[in-house]
Amino acid sequence: MHAHVIVSGRVQGVGFRATAWQKASEYGLNGYARNLSDGTVEMEIEGSEDSVEDYLKEVKKGLSPFIRVENMEVTRSETEKGFKRFRME
C-alpha cells in the first residue's frame, strides 16, 4: 500500500521528520518525509496496509509532546513506487 500525506500544524522545527523516520522504521515502512515551504510536511509511505494505517494513526496523535498535528490529507493507493527505505529530506 502507498500513502501520500500532507501534515499541517506544529510540524516543522519540532523533530517531526526524525520522529516520523523512527516510527516508520518500527513499522517496517519505506518512503520519505520532507518539509514544504508552506510550513507543512509531505510524506510518502509504503508497506503493508495494516502497518501504513497503524502508522498514520500514530502520526495523527502527534508523535511527541512538541508536535501538534492539526490536519492530515491522506491519499491512498495500491500502486507502490518501490522505495527501499525511509528517508528524511
PDB file of N, CA and C in Angstrom:
ATOM      1  N   MET A   1       0.846  -1.184   0.000  1.00  0.00           N
ATOM      2  CA  MET A   1       0.000   0.000   0.000  1.00  0.00           C
ATOM      3  C   MET A   1       0.884   1.237   0.000  1.00  0.00           C
ATOM      4  N   HIS A   2       0.425   2.274  -0.656  1.00  0.00           N
ATOM      5  CA  HIS A   2       1.123   3.552  -0.732  1.00  0.00           C
ATOM      6  C   HIS A   2       0.201   4.642  -0.191  1.00  0.00           C
ATOM      7  N   ALA A   3       0.771   5.572   0.567  1.00  0.00           N
ATOM      8  CA  ALA A   3       0.010   6.725   1.048  1.00  0.00           C
ATOM      9  C   ALA A   3       0.831   7.992   0.828  1.00  0.00           C
ATOM     10  N   HIS A   4       0.186   8.995   0.257  1.00  0.00           N
ATOM     11  CA  HIS A   4       0.773  10.327   0.134  1.00  0.00           C
ATOM     12  C   HIS A   4       0.078  11.178   1.190  1.00  0.00           C
ATOM     13  N   VAL A   5       0.875  11.841   2.037  1.00  0.00           N
ATOM     14  CA  VAL A   5       0.323  12.535   3.200  1.00  0.00           C
ATOM     15  C   VAL A   5       0.881  13.957   3.273  1.00  0.00           C
ATOM     16  N   ILE A   6      -0.005  14.916   3.524  1.00  0.00           N
ATOM     17  CA  ILE A   6       0.400  16.288   3.841  1.00  0.00           C
ATOM     18  C   ILE A   6      -0.061  16.546   5.272  1.00  0.00           C
ATOM     19  N   VAL A   7       0.894  16.875   6.135  1.00  0.00           N
ATOM     20  CA  VAL A   7       0.612  17.083   7.555  1.00  0.00           C
ATOM     21  C   VAL A   7       0.796  18.561   7.877  1.00  0.00           C
ATOM     22  N   SER A   8      -0.211  19.152   8.522  1.00  0.00           N
ATOM     23  CA  SER A   8      -0.108  20.558   8.913  1.00  0.00           C
ATOM     24  C   SER A   8      -0.289  20.691  10.415  1.00  0.00           C
ATOM     25  N   GLY A   9       0.154  21.827  10.924  1.00  0.00           N
ATOM     26  CA  GLY A   9       0.117  22.098  12.359  1.00  0.00           C
ATOM     27  C   GLY A   9       1.506  22.528  12.796  1.00  0.00           C
ATOM     28  N   ARG A  10       1.867  22.203  14.030  1.00  0.00           N
ATOM     29  CA  ARG A  10       3.228  22.477  14.507  1.00  0.00           C
ATOM     30  C   ARG A  10       4.066  21.248  14.160  1.00  0.00           C
ATOM     31  N   VAL A  11       4.577  21.232  12.918  1.00  0.00           N
ATOM     32  CA  VAL A  11       5.268  20.045  12.411  1.00  0.00           C
ATOM     33  C   VAL A  11       6.659  20.352  11.848  1.00  0.00           C
ATOM     34  N   GLN A  12       7.066  21.608  11.867  1.00  0.00           N
ATOM     35  CA  GLN A  12       8.424  21.952  11.445  1.00  0.00           C
ATOM     36  C   GLN A  12       9.167  22.573  12.618  1.00  0.00           C
ATOM     37  N   GLY A  13      10.449  22.194  12.762  1.00  0.00           N
ATOM     38  CA  GLY A  13      11.274  22.720  13.842  1.00  0.00           C
ATOM     39  C   GLY A  13      11.018  22.066  15.186  1.00  0.00           C
ATOM     40  N   VAL A  14      10.318  20.934  15.183  1.00  0.00           N
ATOM     41  CA  VAL A  14       9.967  20.245  16.436  1.00  0.00           C
ATOM     42  C   VAL A  14      10.348  18.762  16.406  1.00  0.00           C
ATOM     43  N   GLY A  15      11.163  18.362  15.435  1.00  0.00           N
ATOM     44  CA  GLY A  15      11.601  16.971  15.348  1.00  0.00           C
ATOM     45  C   GLY A  15      10.610  16.030  14.687  1.00  0.00           C
ATOM     46  N   PHE A  16       9.657  16.578  13.946  1.00  0.00           N
ATOM     47  CA  PHE A  16       8.635  15.732  13.329  1.00  0.00           C
ATOM     48  C   PHE A  16       9.243  14.709  12.380  1.00  0.00           C
ATOM     49  N   ARG A  17      10.102  15.159  11.460  1.00  0.00           N
ATOM     50  CA  ARG A  17      10.642  14.230  10.460  1.00  0.00           C
ATOM     51  C   ARG A  17      11.487  13.136  11.097  1.00  0.00           C
ATOM     52  N   ALA A  18      12.308  13.490  12.082  1.00  0.00           N
ATOM     53  CA  ALA A  18      13.135  12.482  12.750  1.00  0.00           C
ATOM     54  C   ALA A  18      12.270  11.463  13.481  1.00  0.00           C
ATOM     55  N   THR A  19      11.234  11.941  14.145  1.00  0.00           N
ATOM     56  CA  THR A  19      10.330  11.035  14.856  1.00  0.00           C
ATOM     57  C   THR A  19       9.533  10.197  13.870  1.00  0.00           C
ATOM     58  N   ALA A  20       9.114  10.800  12.762  1.00  0.00           N
ATOM     59  CA  ALA A  20       8.394  10.058  11.718  1.00  0.00           C
ATOM     60  C   ALA A  20       9.280   8.954  11.153  1.00  0.00           C
ATOM     61  N   TRP A  21      10.562   9.253  10.940  1.00  0.00           N
ATOM     62  CA  TRP A  21      11.523   8.260  10.446  1.00  0.00           C
ATOM     63  C   TRP A  21      11.654   7.103  11.439  1.00  0.00           C
ATOM     64  N   GLN A  22      11.807   7.432  12.724  1.00  0.00           N
ATOM     65  CA  GLN A  22      11.956   6.403  13.752  1.00  0.00           C
ATOM     66  C   GLN A  22      10.727   5.498  13.798  1.00  0.00           C
ATOM     67  N   LYS A  23       9.541   6.090  13.796  1.00  0.00           N
ATOM     68  CA  LYS A  23       8.300   5.299  13.826  1.00  0.00           C
ATOM     69  C   LYS A  23       8.149   4.466  12.559  1.00  0.00           C
ATOM     70  N   ALA A  24       8.502   5.034  11.408  1.00  0.00           N
ATOM     71  CA  ALA A  24       8.409   4.285  10.149  1.00  0.00           C
ATOM     72  C   ALA A  24       9.303   3.054  10.207  1.00  0.00           C
ATOM     73  N   SER A  25      10.484   3.203  10.799  1.00  0.00           N
ATOM     74  CA  SER A  25      11.389   2.060  10.948  1.00  0.00           C
ATOM     75  C   SER A  25      10.769   0.990  11.833  1.00  0.00           C
ATOM     76  N   GLU A  26      10.109   1.403  12.906  1.00  0.00           N
ATOM     77  CA  GLU A  26       9.452   0.450  13.809  1.00  0.00           C
ATOM     78  C   GLU A  26       8.350  -0.329  13.092  1.00  0.00           C
ATOM     79  N   TYR A  27       7.662   0.319  12.162  1.00  0.00           N
ATOM     80  CA  TYR A  27       6.570  -0.321  11.425  1.00  0.00           C
ATOM     81  C   TYR A  27       7.042  -1.008  10.144  1.00  0.00           C
ATOM     82  N   GLY A  28       8.332  -0.918   9.828  1.00  0.00           N
ATOM     83  CA  GLY A  28       8.863  -1.539   8.622  1.00  0.00           C
ATOM     84  C   GLY A  28       8.419  -0.859   7.342  1.00  0.00           C
ATOM     85  N   LEU A  29       8.258   0.461   7.389  1.00  0.00           N
ATOM     86  CA  LEU A  29       7.767   1.216   6.237  1.00  0.00           C
ATOM     87  C   LEU A  29       8.905   1.893   5.482  1.00  0.00           C
ATOM     88  N   ASN A  30       8.670   2.166   4.217  1.00  0.00           N
ATOM     89  CA  ASN A  30       9.616   2.877   3.364  1.00  0.00           C
ATOM     90  C   ASN A  30       8.953   4.138   2.834  1.00  0.00           C
ATOM     91  N   GLY A  31       9.784   5.095   2.393  1.00  0.00           N
ATOM     92  CA  GLY A  31       9.265   6.333   1.832  1.00  0.00           C
ATOM     93  C   GLY A  31      10.116   7.510   2.246  1.00  0.00           C
ATOM     94  N   TYR A  32       9.483   8.649   2.483  1.00  0.00           N
ATOM     95  CA  TYR A  32      10.227   9.840   2.889  1.00  0.00           C
ATOM     96  C   TYR A  32       9.317  10.820   3.619  1.00  0.00           C
ATOM     97  N   ALA A  33       9.963  11.775   4.295  1.00  0.00           N
ATOM     98  CA  ALA A  33       9.281  12.920   4.911  1.00  0.00           C
ATOM     99  C   ALA A  33      10.119  14.146   4.594  1.00  0.00           C
ATOM    100  N   ARG A  34       9.457  15.210   4.119  1.00  0.00           N
ATOM    101  CA  ARG A  34      10.198  16.434   3.825  1.00  0.00           C
ATOM    102  C   ARG A  34       9.356  17.661   4.154  1.00  0.00           C
ATOM    103  N   ASN A  35      10.054  18.713   4.602  1.00  0.00           N
ATOM    104  CA  ASN A  35       9.407  19.985   4.882  1.00  0.00           C
ATOM    105  C   ASN A  35       9.053  20.678   3.576  1.00  0.00           C
ATOM    106  N   LEU A  36       7.891  21.307   3.550  1.00  0.00           N
ATOM    107  CA  LEU A  36       7.491  22.123   2.411  1.00  0.00           C
ATOM    108  C   LEU A  36       7.541  23.594   2.812  1.00  0.00           C
ATOM    109  N   SER A  37       7.652  24.466   1.838  1.00  0.00           N
ATOM    110  CA  SER A  37       7.829  25.897   2.109  1.00  0.00           C
ATOM    111  C   SER A  37       6.624  26.539   2.786  1.00  0.00           C
ATOM    112  N   ASP A  38       5.458  25.900   2.722  1.00  0.00           N
ATOM    113  CA  ASP A  38       4.262  26.471   3.353  1.00  0.00           C
ATOM    114  C   ASP A  38       4.110  26.072   4.821  1.00  0.00           C
ATOM    115  N   GLY A  39       5.124  25.394   5.388  1.00  0.00           N
ATOM    116  CA  GLY A  39       5.081  25.014   6.800  1.00  0.00           C
ATOM    117  C   GLY A  39       4.523  23.631   7.059  1.00  0.00           C
ATOM    118  N   THR A  40       4.109  22.932   6.020  1.00  0.00           N
ATOM    119  CA  THR A  40       3.600  21.568   6.167  1.00  0.00           C
ATOM    120  C   THR A  40       4.732  20.568   5.941  1.00  0.00           C
ATOM    121  N   VAL A  41       4.431  19.305   6.199  1.00  0.00           N
ATOM    122  CA  VAL A  41       5.362  18.216   5.906  1.00  0.00           C
ATOM    123  C   VAL A  41       4.673  17.263   4.942  1.00  0.00           C
ATOM    124  N   GLU A  42       5.394  16.897   3.897  1.00  0.00           N
ATOM    125  CA  GLU A  42       4.902  15.916   2.929  1.00  0.00           C
ATOM    126  C   GLU A  42       5.566  14.580   3.219  1.00  0.00           C
ATOM    127  N   MET A  43       4.772  13.519   3.194  1.00  0.00           N
ATOM    128  CA  MET A  43       5.309  12.175   3.363  1.00  0.00           C
ATOM    129  C   MET A  43       4.741  11.262   2.289  1.00  0.00           C
ATOM    130  N   GLU A  44       5.558  10.321   1.864  1.00  0.00           N
ATOM    131  CA  GLU A  44       5.087   9.198   1.069  1.00  0.00           C
ATOM    132  C   GLU A  44       5.507   7.968   1.842  1.00  0.00           C
ATOM    133  N   ILE A  45       4.565   7.052   2.024  1.00  0.00           N
ATOM    134  CA  ILE A  45       4.778   5.888   2.879  1.00  0.00           C
ATOM    135  C   ILE A  45       4.332   4.649   2.133  1.00  0.00           C
ATOM    136  N   GLU A  46       5.134   3.583   2.245  1.00  0.00           N
ATOM    137  CA  GLU A  46       4.768   2.310   1.629  1.00  0.00           C
ATOM    138  C   GLU A  46       5.011   1.164   2.588  1.00  0.00           C
ATOM    139  N   GLY A  47       4.124   0.186   2.523  1.00  0.00           N
ATOM    140  CA  GLY A  47       4.240  -1.007   3.340  1.00  0.00           C
ATOM    141  C   GLY A  47       2.920  -1.751   3.319  1.00  0.00           C
ATOM    142  N   SER A  48       2.776  -2.691   4.249  1.00  0.00           N
ATOM    143  CA  SER A  48       1.514  -3.421   4.321  1.00  0.00           C
ATOM    144  C   SER A  48       0.396  -2.467   4.729  1.00  0.00           C
ATOM    145  N   GLU A  49      -0.818  -2.795   4.336  1.00  0.00           N
ATOM    146  CA  GLU A  49      -1.958  -1.924   4.645  1.00  0.00           C
ATOM    147  C   GLU A  49      -2.093  -1.702   6.143  1.00  0.00           C
ATOM    148  N   ASP A  50      -1.984  -2.771   6.935  1.00  0.00           N
ATOM    149  CA  ASP A  50      -2.109  -2.640   8.391  1.00  0.00           C
ATOM    150  C   ASP A  50      -1.026  -1.731   8.963  1.00  0.00           C
ATOM    151  N   SER A  51       0.215  -1.914   8.502  1.00  0.00           N
ATOM    152  CA  SER A  51       1.317  -1.095   9.011  1.00  0.00           C
ATOM    153  C   SER A  51       1.142   0.373   8.649  1.00  0.00           C
ATOM    154  N   VAL A  52       0.738   0.636   7.414  1.00  0.00           N
ATOM    155  CA  VAL A  52       0.529   2.024   6.987  1.00  0.00           C
ATOM    156  C   VAL A  52      -0.585   2.666   7.806  1.00  0.00           C
ATOM    157  N   GLU A  53      -1.697   1.967   7.969  1.00  0.00           N
ATOM    158  CA  GLU A  53      -2.831   2.535   8.716  1.00  0.00           C
ATOM    159  C   GLU A  53      -2.474   2.764  10.184  1.00  0.00           C
ATOM    160  N   ASP A  54      -1.772   1.809  10.803  1.00  0.00           N
ATOM    161  CA  ASP A  54      -1.354   1.980  12.200  1.00  0.00           C
ATOM    162  C   ASP A  54      -0.386   3.154  12.336  1.00  0.00           C
ATOM    163  N   TYR A  55       0.531   3.278  11.389  1.00  0.00           N
ATOM    164  CA  TYR A  55       1.487   4.380  11.391  1.00  0.00           C
ATOM    165  C   TYR A  55       0.766   5.727  11.276  1.00  0.00           C
ATOM    166  N   LEU A  56      -0.199   5.806  10.375  1.00  0.00           N
ATOM    167  CA  LEU A  56      -0.943   7.061  10.201  1.00  0.00           C
ATOM    168  C   LEU A  56      -1.692   7.447  11.474  1.00  0.00           C
ATOM    169  N   LYS A  57      -2.199   6.469  12.204  1.00  0.00           N
ATOM    170  CA  LYS A  57      -2.850   6.760  13.493  1.00  0.00           C
ATOM    171  C   LYS A  57      -1.848   7.358  14.470  1.00  0.00           C
ATOM    172  N   GLU A  58      -0.626   6.810  14.502  1.00  0.00           N
ATOM    173  CA  GLU A  58       0.424   7.338  15.383  1.00  0.00           C
ATOM    174  C   GLU A  58       0.777   8.775  14.998  1.00  0.00           C
ATOM    175  N   VAL A  59       0.927   9.016  13.706  1.00  0.00           N
ATOM    176  CA  VAL A  59       1.272  10.360  13.232  1.00  0.00           C
ATOM    177  C   VAL A  59       0.188  11.350  13.632  1.00  0.00           C
ATOM    178  N   LYS A  60      -1.063  10.967  13.464  1.00  0.00           N
ATOM    179  CA  LYS A  60      -2.181  11.867  13.787  1.00  0.00           C
ATOM    180  C   LYS A  60      -2.182  12.258  15.266  1.00  0.00           C
ATOM    181  N   LYS A  61      -1.708  11.366  16.131  1.00  0.00           N
ATOM    182  CA  LYS A  61      -1.626  11.672  17.567  1.00  0.00           C
ATOM    183  C   LYS A  61      -0.578  12.742  17.862  1.00  0.00           C
ATOM    184  N   GLY A  62       0.384  12.918  16.957  1.00  0.00           N
ATOM    185  CA  GLY A  62       1.398  13.949  17.150  1.00  0.00           C
ATOM    186  C   GLY A  62       2.797  13.440  17.387  1.00  0.00           C
ATOM    187  N   LEU A  63       3.000  12.164  17.661  1.00  0.00           N
ATOM    188  CA  LEU A  63       4.300  11.517  17.813  1.00  0.00           C
ATOM    189  C   LEU A  63       5.112  11.963  19.026  1.00  0.00           C
ATOM    190  N   SER A  64       4.952  13.185  19.499  1.00  0.00           N
ATOM    191  CA  SER A  64       5.650  13.651  20.701  1.00  0.00           C
ATOM    192  C   SER A  64       4.903  14.862  21.255  1.00  0.00           C
ATOM    193  N   PRO A  65       5.194  15.250  22.499  1.00  0.00           N
ATOM    194  CA  PRO A  65       4.512  16.408  23.090  1.00  0.00           C
ATOM    195  C   PRO A  65       4.808  17.726  22.366  1.00  0.00           C
ATOM    196  N   PHE A  66       5.903  17.783  21.608  1.00  0.00           N
ATOM    197  CA  PHE A  66       6.293  19.014  20.922  1.00  0.00           C
ATOM    198  C   PHE A  66       5.584  19.180  19.580  1.00  0.00           C
ATOM    199  N   ILE A  67       5.021  18.094  19.076  1.00  0.00           N
ATOM    200  CA  ILE A  67       4.387  18.088  17.759  1.00  0.00           C
ATOM    201  C   ILE A  67       2.876  18.190  17.929  1.00  0.00           C
ATOM    202  N   ARG A  68       2.261  19.067  17.128  1.00  0.00           N
ATOM    203  CA  ARG A  68       0.800  19.169  17.144  1.00  0.00           C
ATOM    204  C   ARG A  68       0.288  19.059  15.706  1.00  0.00           C
ATOM    205  N   VAL A  69      -0.362  17.953  15.410  1.00  0.00           N
ATOM    206  CA  VAL A  69      -0.925  17.742  14.084  1.00  0.00           C
ATOM    207  C   VAL A  69      -2.336  18.304  14.073  1.00  0.00           C
ATOM    208  N   GLU A  70      -2.573  19.279  13.211  1.00  0.00           N
ATOM    209  CA  GLU A  70      -3.902  19.879  13.088  1.00  0.00           C
ATOM    210  C   GLU A  70      -4.710  19.244  11.969  1.00  0.00           C
ATOM    211  N   ASN A  71      -4.018  18.815  10.914  1.00  0.00           N
ATOM    212  CA  ASN A  71      -4.726  18.218   9.778  1.00  0.00           C
ATOM    213  C   ASN A  71      -3.794  17.277   9.027  1.00  0.00           C
ATOM    214  N   MET A  72      -4.374  16.212   8.490  1.00  0.00           N
ATOM    215  CA  MET A  72      -3.644  15.281   7.634  1.00  0.00           C
ATOM    216  C   MET A  72      -4.486  15.011   6.395  1.00  0.00           C
ATOM    217  N   GLU A  73      -3.925  15.306   5.244  1.00  0.00           N
ATOM    218  CA  GLU A  73      -4.565  14.971   3.975  1.00  0.00           C
ATOM    219  C   GLU A  73      -3.893  13.699   3.472  1.00  0.00           C
ATOM    220  N   VAL A  74      -4.645  12.616   3.379  1.00  0.00           N
ATOM    221  CA  VAL A  74      -4.079  11.319   3.010  1.00  0.00           C
ATOM    222  C   VAL A  74      -4.720  10.830   1.718  1.00  0.00           C
ATOM    223  N   THR A  75      -3.872  10.463   0.768  1.00  0.00           N
ATOM    224  CA  THR A  75      -4.316   9.835  -0.473  1.00  0.00           C
ATOM    225  C   THR A  75      -3.705   8.441  -0.517  1.00  0.00           C
ATOM    226  N   ARG A  76      -4.557   7.421  -0.520  1.00  0.00           N
ATOM    227  CA  ARG A  76      -4.096   6.032  -0.505  1.00  0.00           C
ATOM    228  C   ARG A  76      -4.141   5.443  -1.910  1.00  0.00           C
ATOM    229  N   SER A  77      -3.221   4.513  -2.165  1.00  0.00           N
ATOM    230  CA  SER A  77      -3.159   3.841  -3.457  1.00  0.00           C
ATOM    231  C   SER A  77      -2.583   2.442  -3.263  1.00  0.00           C
ATOM    232  N   GLU A  78      -2.976   1.540  -4.114  1.00  0.00           N
ATOM    233  CA  GLU A  78      -2.400   0.194  -4.094  1.00  0.00           C
ATOM    234  C   GLU A  78      -1.097   0.143  -4.885  1.00  0.00           C
ATOM    235  N   THR A  79      -0.843   1.155  -5.712  1.00  0.00           N
ATOM    236  CA  THR A  79       0.355   1.186  -6.545  1.00  0.00           C
ATOM    237  C   THR A  79       1.513   1.784  -5.758  1.00  0.00           C
ATOM    238  N   GLU A  80       2.550   0.977  -5.515  1.00  0.00           N
ATOM    239  CA  GLU A  80       3.717   1.445  -4.780  1.00  0.00           C
ATOM    240  C   GLU A  80       4.769   1.988  -5.740  1.00  0.00           C
ATOM    241  N   LYS A  81       5.622   2.872  -5.223  1.00  0.00           N
ATOM    242  CA  LYS A  81       6.692   3.466  -6.023  1.00  0.00           C
ATOM    243  C   LYS A  81       8.013   2.730  -5.851  1.00  0.00           C
ATOM    244  N   GLY A  82       8.080   1.785  -4.931  1.00  0.00           N
ATOM    245  CA  GLY A  82       9.278   0.973  -4.762  1.00  0.00           C
ATOM    246  C   GLY A  82      10.371   1.593  -3.917  1.00  0.00           C
ATOM    247  N   PHE A  83      10.002   2.411  -2.926  1.00  0.00           N
ATOM    248  CA  PHE A  83      11.009   2.960  -2.018  1.00  0.00           C
ATOM    249  C   PHE A  83      11.717   1.816  -1.301  1.00  0.00           C
ATOM    250  N   LYS A  84      13.030   1.945  -1.105  1.00  0.00           N
ATOM    251  CA  LYS A  84      13.832   0.892  -0.468  1.00  0.00           C
ATOM    252  C   LYS A  84      14.036   1.120   1.026  1.00  0.00           C
ATOM    253  N   ARG A  85      13.803   2.346   1.488  1.00  0.00           N
ATOM    254  CA  ARG A  85      13.983   2.693   2.902  1.00  0.00           C
ATOM    255  C   ARG A  85      13.178   3.951   3.172  1.00  0.00           C
ATOM    256  N   PHE A  86      13.156   4.386   4.432  1.00  0.00           N
ATOM    257  CA  PHE A  86      12.507   5.647   4.777  1.00  0.00           C
ATOM    258  C   PHE A  86      13.600   6.679   4.981  1.00  0.00           C
ATOM    259  N   ARG A  87      13.440   7.830   4.373  1.00  0.00           N
ATOM    260  CA  ARG A  87      14.461   8.867   4.494  1.00  0.00           C
ATOM    261  C   ARG A  87      13.835  10.226   4.825  1.00  0.00           C
ATOM    262  N   MET A  88      14.658  11.070   5.420  1.00  0.00           N
ATOM    263  CA  MET A  88      14.261  12.451   5.679  1.00  0.00           C
ATOM    264  C   MET A  88      14.907  13.312   4.607  1.00  0.00           C
ATOM    265  N   GLU A  89      14.142  14.203   4.035  1.00  0.00           N
ATOM    266  CA  GLU A  89      14.702  15.104   3.014  1.00  0.00           C
ATOM    267  C   GLU A  89      14.698  16.516   3.528  1.00  0.00           C
TER     268      GLU A  89
END
